[in-house]
Protein backbone atom coordinates (compact mmCIF):
# COMPACT_ATOMS: atom_id res chain seq x y z
CA MET A 1 4.85 -35.31 -0.66
CA ARG A 2 5.78 -35.55 2.98
CA LEU A 3 7.11 -38.35 5.12
CA SER A 4 4.08 -39.82 6.86
CA GLU A 5 5.49 -42.92 8.61
CA VAL A 6 8.87 -44.53 9.33
CA TRP A 7 9.15 -48.31 9.77
CA ARG A 8 11.93 -50.72 10.50
CA TYR A 9 11.82 -54.49 10.52
CA PRO A 10 14.68 -55.71 12.73
CA VAL A 11 14.16 -59.37 11.74
CA LYS A 12 13.44 -60.24 8.13
CA SER A 13 9.78 -61.27 7.62
CA LEU A 14 8.74 -60.59 11.22
CA GLN A 15 6.52 -57.67 12.20
CA GLY A 16 8.43 -54.47 12.79
CA GLU A 17 8.09 -51.21 14.66
CA GLN A 18 6.88 -47.76 13.74
CA LEU A 19 9.18 -44.83 14.53
CA THR A 20 8.82 -41.06 14.60
CA GLU A 21 12.34 -40.58 13.29
CA SER A 22 15.42 -42.59 12.37
CA ALA A 23 18.99 -42.20 11.28
CA ILE A 24 19.58 -43.39 7.73
CA THR A 25 22.91 -45.15 7.14
CA PRO A 26 24.31 -46.81 3.99
CA GLN A 27 22.43 -49.96 5.12
CA GLY A 28 19.14 -48.05 5.33
CA VAL A 29 17.00 -47.31 8.38
CA VAL A 30 19.12 -48.12 11.44
CA GLY A 31 18.41 -51.67 12.55
CA ASP A 32 16.25 -52.56 9.57
CA ARG A 33 16.67 -56.20 8.48
CA ALA A 34 19.63 -56.50 10.86
CA TYR A 35 18.66 -60.09 11.68
CA ALA A 36 17.21 -63.06 9.82
CA LEU A 37 16.23 -66.63 10.53
CA PHE A 38 18.06 -69.46 8.82
CA ASP A 39 17.09 -73.09 8.41
CA ALA A 40 19.76 -75.02 10.32
CA ARG A 41 19.55 -77.99 7.94
CA THR A 42 19.52 -76.29 4.53
CA GLY A 43 21.31 -73.04 5.36
CA LEU A 44 18.62 -71.10 3.49
CA GLY A 45 17.28 -67.86 4.88
CA LEU A 46 13.64 -68.12 5.92
CA THR A 47 11.04 -65.61 4.80
CA ALA A 48 7.26 -65.50 4.93
CA ARG A 49 7.25 -66.63 1.32
CA ARG A 50 8.16 -70.12 2.51
CA VAL A 51 7.08 -69.80 6.17
CA PRO A 52 4.03 -67.51 6.45
CA GLU A 53 3.92 -67.97 10.23
CA LEU A 54 6.85 -65.59 10.56
CA LEU A 55 4.54 -62.63 10.02
CA PHE A 56 2.78 -63.37 13.32
CA ALA A 57 5.85 -62.74 15.50
CA TYR A 58 7.10 -59.27 16.45
CA ALA A 59 10.65 -57.96 16.58
CA ARG A 60 11.93 -54.93 18.48
CA LEU A 61 15.45 -53.56 18.30
CA GLN A 62 17.08 -53.19 21.71
CA PRO A 63 19.28 -50.26 22.83
CA ASP A 64 22.38 -52.48 22.69
CA GLY A 65 21.68 -53.44 19.08
CA GLY A 66 20.21 -56.81 19.99
CA VAL A 67 16.67 -57.86 19.18
CA ARG A 68 13.72 -59.06 21.22
CA ILE A 69 11.22 -61.35 19.52
CA THR A 70 7.70 -61.86 20.81
CA LEU A 71 5.95 -65.01 19.58
CA PRO A 72 2.22 -65.11 18.74
CA ASP A 73 1.38 -66.48 22.21
CA GLY A 74 3.21 -63.57 23.87
CA SER A 75 6.25 -65.58 24.94
CA ASP A 76 9.86 -64.59 24.36
CA GLY A 77 11.24 -66.00 21.11
CA SER A 78 14.67 -64.43 21.16
CA ARG A 79 16.48 -67.77 21.57
CA ASP A 80 17.06 -70.34 18.84
CA ASP A 81 15.42 -73.13 20.85
CA ALA A 82 12.22 -71.15 21.34
CA LEU A 83 12.09 -70.22 17.67
CA SER A 84 12.76 -73.80 16.60
CA SER A 85 10.02 -75.13 18.85
CA TRP A 86 7.55 -72.56 17.51
CA LEU A 87 8.31 -73.26 13.86
CA GLY A 88 8.73 -77.02 14.20
CA ARG A 89 12.15 -77.04 12.55
CA PRO A 90 15.70 -76.23 13.70
CA VAL A 91 16.37 -72.57 12.99
CA ALA A 92 19.03 -70.05 13.93
CA LEU A 93 18.63 -66.32 14.45
CA ARG A 94 21.66 -64.58 12.99
CA SER A 95 22.82 -60.99 12.54
CA THR A 96 24.43 -59.49 9.45
CA SER A 97 27.85 -59.90 11.07
CA ASP A 98 27.29 -63.65 11.56
CA VAL A 99 26.23 -64.62 8.04
CA VAL A 100 28.02 -64.59 4.70
CA SER A 101 25.53 -66.51 2.54
CA ARG A 102 22.12 -64.86 2.09
CA ARG A 103 20.13 -67.25 -0.08
CA TYR A 104 16.34 -67.34 -0.04
CA GLU A 105 13.50 -68.93 -2.02
CA ASN A 106 10.59 -67.61 -4.05
CA PRO A 107 7.77 -69.65 -5.65
CA SER A 108 7.97 -69.52 -9.43
CA ASP A 109 4.17 -69.23 -9.53
CA PHE A 110 2.43 -67.58 -6.60
CA GLU A 111 -0.81 -69.25 -7.69
CA ASP A 112 0.80 -72.69 -7.25
CA GLU A 113 3.11 -72.78 -4.25
CA GLY A 114 3.30 -76.55 -4.49
CA GLY A 115 5.29 -76.17 -7.66
CA LYS A 116 8.83 -75.01 -8.28
CA TRP A 117 10.67 -72.73 -5.86
CA THR A 118 13.50 -70.60 -7.21
CA PRO A 119 16.50 -69.66 -5.04
CA PHE A 120 17.90 -66.13 -5.14
CA ASP A 121 20.70 -64.22 -3.42
CA GLY A 122 19.88 -61.22 -1.28
CA SER A 123 21.91 -58.17 -0.39
CA GLY A 124 25.37 -58.55 1.08
CA GLY A 125 24.70 -55.95 3.79
CA ALA A 126 21.47 -55.84 5.75
CA PHE A 127 19.12 -58.70 4.91
CA HIS A 128 17.39 -56.94 2.03
CA ASP A 129 16.21 -58.87 -1.02
CA GLU A 130 17.83 -56.42 -3.42
CA GLU A 131 21.44 -55.25 -3.58
CA LYS A 132 20.15 -52.11 -5.33
CA ALA A 133 17.71 -51.07 -2.60
CA SER A 134 18.48 -50.48 1.07
CA VAL A 135 15.47 -48.20 1.65
CA SER A 136 11.96 -48.70 0.29
CA LEU A 137 9.37 -45.96 -0.20
CA VAL A 138 5.67 -46.11 -1.05
CA SER A 139 2.91 -43.50 -1.10
CA THR A 140 -0.46 -43.58 0.60
CA ALA A 141 -2.07 -43.07 -2.82
CA THR A 142 -0.50 -46.26 -4.16
CA ILE A 143 -1.39 -48.29 -1.08
CA GLY A 144 -5.00 -47.17 -1.16
CA GLU A 145 -7.15 -49.48 0.95
CA TRP A 146 -4.54 -52.23 1.19
CA ASP A 147 -2.97 -52.76 4.59
CA ARG A 148 0.47 -51.13 4.40
CA ARG A 149 2.05 -54.04 6.25
CA ARG A 150 1.66 -56.13 3.10
CA PHE A 151 4.45 -54.08 1.49
CA ARG A 152 6.82 -53.66 4.46
CA ALA A 153 8.15 -50.35 3.19
CA ASN A 154 10.47 -48.25 5.35
CA LEU A 155 9.13 -44.84 4.41
CA ILE A 156 5.43 -44.13 3.82
CA LEU A 157 4.88 -40.92 1.86
CA ASP A 158 1.74 -38.84 2.19
CA GLY A 159 0.62 -38.08 -1.34
CA ALA A 160 1.31 -39.69 -4.69
CA GLY A 161 3.99 -40.05 -7.33
CA GLU A 162 6.81 -42.17 -5.92
CA ASP A 163 7.20 -43.97 -9.24
CA ASP A 164 8.21 -40.65 -10.81
CA LEU A 165 11.13 -40.44 -8.37
CA VAL A 166 13.01 -43.29 -10.09
CA GLY A 167 16.21 -41.84 -11.50
CA SER A 168 16.22 -38.98 -8.99
CA ASP A 169 18.13 -38.00 -5.89
CA VAL A 170 15.53 -37.47 -3.17
CA THR A 171 16.03 -35.36 -0.06
CA ILE A 172 14.16 -36.30 3.12
CA GLY A 173 15.31 -34.55 6.25
CA ASP A 174 19.11 -34.64 6.34
CA ALA A 175 19.36 -37.69 4.10
CA VAL A 176 19.66 -37.99 0.35
CA LEU A 177 18.39 -41.15 -1.33
CA ARG A 178 19.10 -42.20 -4.90
CA VAL A 179 15.93 -43.87 -6.13
CA GLY A 180 16.95 -46.45 -8.70
CA MET A 181 14.16 -48.97 -9.15
CA GLN A 182 10.55 -49.95 -8.81
CA ILE A 183 10.07 -52.93 -6.51
CA HIS A 184 8.62 -56.04 -8.09
CA ARG A 185 6.21 -57.70 -5.68
CA CYS A 186 5.95 -61.37 -4.74
CA VAL A 187 3.73 -63.75 -2.79
CA MET A 188 4.59 -61.92 0.46
CA THR A 189 1.91 -59.33 -0.35
CA THR A 190 -0.78 -62.02 -0.20
CA ARG A 191 0.13 -63.47 3.20
CA PRO A 192 -2.13 -63.32 6.27
CA GLN A 193 -0.99 -61.10 9.12
CA PRO A 194 -2.18 -60.17 12.62
CA ASP A 195 -5.33 -58.16 13.29
CA GLY A 196 -7.41 -59.87 10.65
CA VAL A 197 -5.29 -59.29 7.56
CA ALA A 198 -6.36 -62.31 5.51
CA ARG A 199 -4.59 -64.32 2.83
CA ASP A 200 -5.55 -62.62 -0.41
CA LEU A 201 -4.16 -63.65 -3.79
CA ASP A 202 -6.15 -60.84 -5.44
CA VAL A 203 -3.67 -58.33 -4.02
CA LEU A 204 -0.87 -59.66 -6.21
CA ARG A 205 -3.18 -60.34 -9.13
CA THR A 206 -4.22 -56.69 -9.07
CA ILE A 207 -0.62 -55.51 -8.80
CA HIS A 208 0.30 -57.55 -11.87
CA ARG A 209 -2.75 -56.42 -13.81
CA GLU A 210 -2.68 -52.72 -12.96
CA ARG A 211 0.92 -51.94 -12.01
CA SER A 212 3.07 -54.36 -14.04
CA GLY A 213 3.86 -56.26 -10.85
CA CYS A 214 5.45 -53.32 -9.02
CA VAL A 215 4.53 -51.42 -5.86
CA ALA A 216 6.95 -49.06 -4.06
CA VAL A 217 10.40 -47.90 -5.11
CA GLY A 218 13.84 -48.80 -3.84
CA ALA A 219 16.74 -46.47 -3.10
CA LEU A 220 20.36 -46.47 -2.04
CA VAL A 221 21.70 -43.91 0.42
CA SER A 222 23.77 -41.13 -1.13
CA THR A 223 24.01 -39.00 2.03
CA THR A 224 23.38 -40.29 5.53
CA GLY A 225 21.22 -38.31 7.91
CA THR A 226 18.09 -38.30 10.03
CA VAL A 227 14.54 -38.43 8.69
CA ARG A 228 11.50 -37.42 10.72
CA VAL A 229 7.78 -37.79 10.25
CA GLY A 230 6.55 -34.60 8.56
CA ASP A 231 9.73 -33.99 6.55
CA PRO A 232 9.06 -32.80 3.00
CA VAL A 233 10.21 -35.03 0.14
CA GLY A 234 12.21 -33.19 -2.50
CA ALA A 235 13.40 -34.67 -5.79
CA VAL A 236 16.49 -33.50 -7.66
CA ARG A 237 16.65 -35.21 -11.03
CA GLY A 238 19.85 -37.20 -11.36
CA LEU A 239 22.54 -36.10 -13.82
CA ARG A 240 22.06 -39.07 -16.14
CA ALA A 241 18.30 -38.50 -16.30
CA ARG A 242 18.81 -34.78 -17.06
CA LEU A 243 21.23 -35.58 -19.85
CA ARG A 244 18.79 -38.10 -21.36
CA SER A 245 16.03 -35.49 -21.35
CA LEU A 246 18.27 -32.89 -22.98
CA HIS A 247 19.25 -35.25 -25.79
CA GLY A 248 15.79 -36.69 -26.34
């Protein structure tokens, strides 16, 4: 496999930007999930699970580390008042350095979003859902005909077999990633997005039926470095996995 695409999403649940290369830090792709929107009344972090409209705004990381948000009508949404007016509720854009609590919501049943919503705590660093995954990887073979934006992965791999990387140290460019988990998918994969990506519950139904609910894998960063489109992906089986195979 080779690295086909690099993506970062500066604001959680907003559209991101495609890169040709990026530094990888302990928090993942530089600038990825560096900001998130929070409901000013409840204190909960907002995602497109609860507010699907978020997927129609775009975020771009600025050279000074700030972020510029473009709303669906093309206007600047980088200020709290503009974002609040757009979403029809008081919201606050906050960076990882501003926020201690990272609590979000997920519907207990994606087929019935009018039912119970379950709160969960995200990562304590960048605004990732999982403490155990600061970088996500998925292959073009797994994505197939689905629009890759449904999965919001950081690294798109040309080829197949990312699930087999779980338990391995993976080298991409100068970086080494420890792949520790498959990523369980949620209602986000079904949401409408720009350019005609329609709401489609069959996406998640298929993932549950054919892939036990998982698409993509999550990794933590063992060695920081730079990754570039075209870099080969090399897997070195982790020590624990090698010992398990030796002892049956």
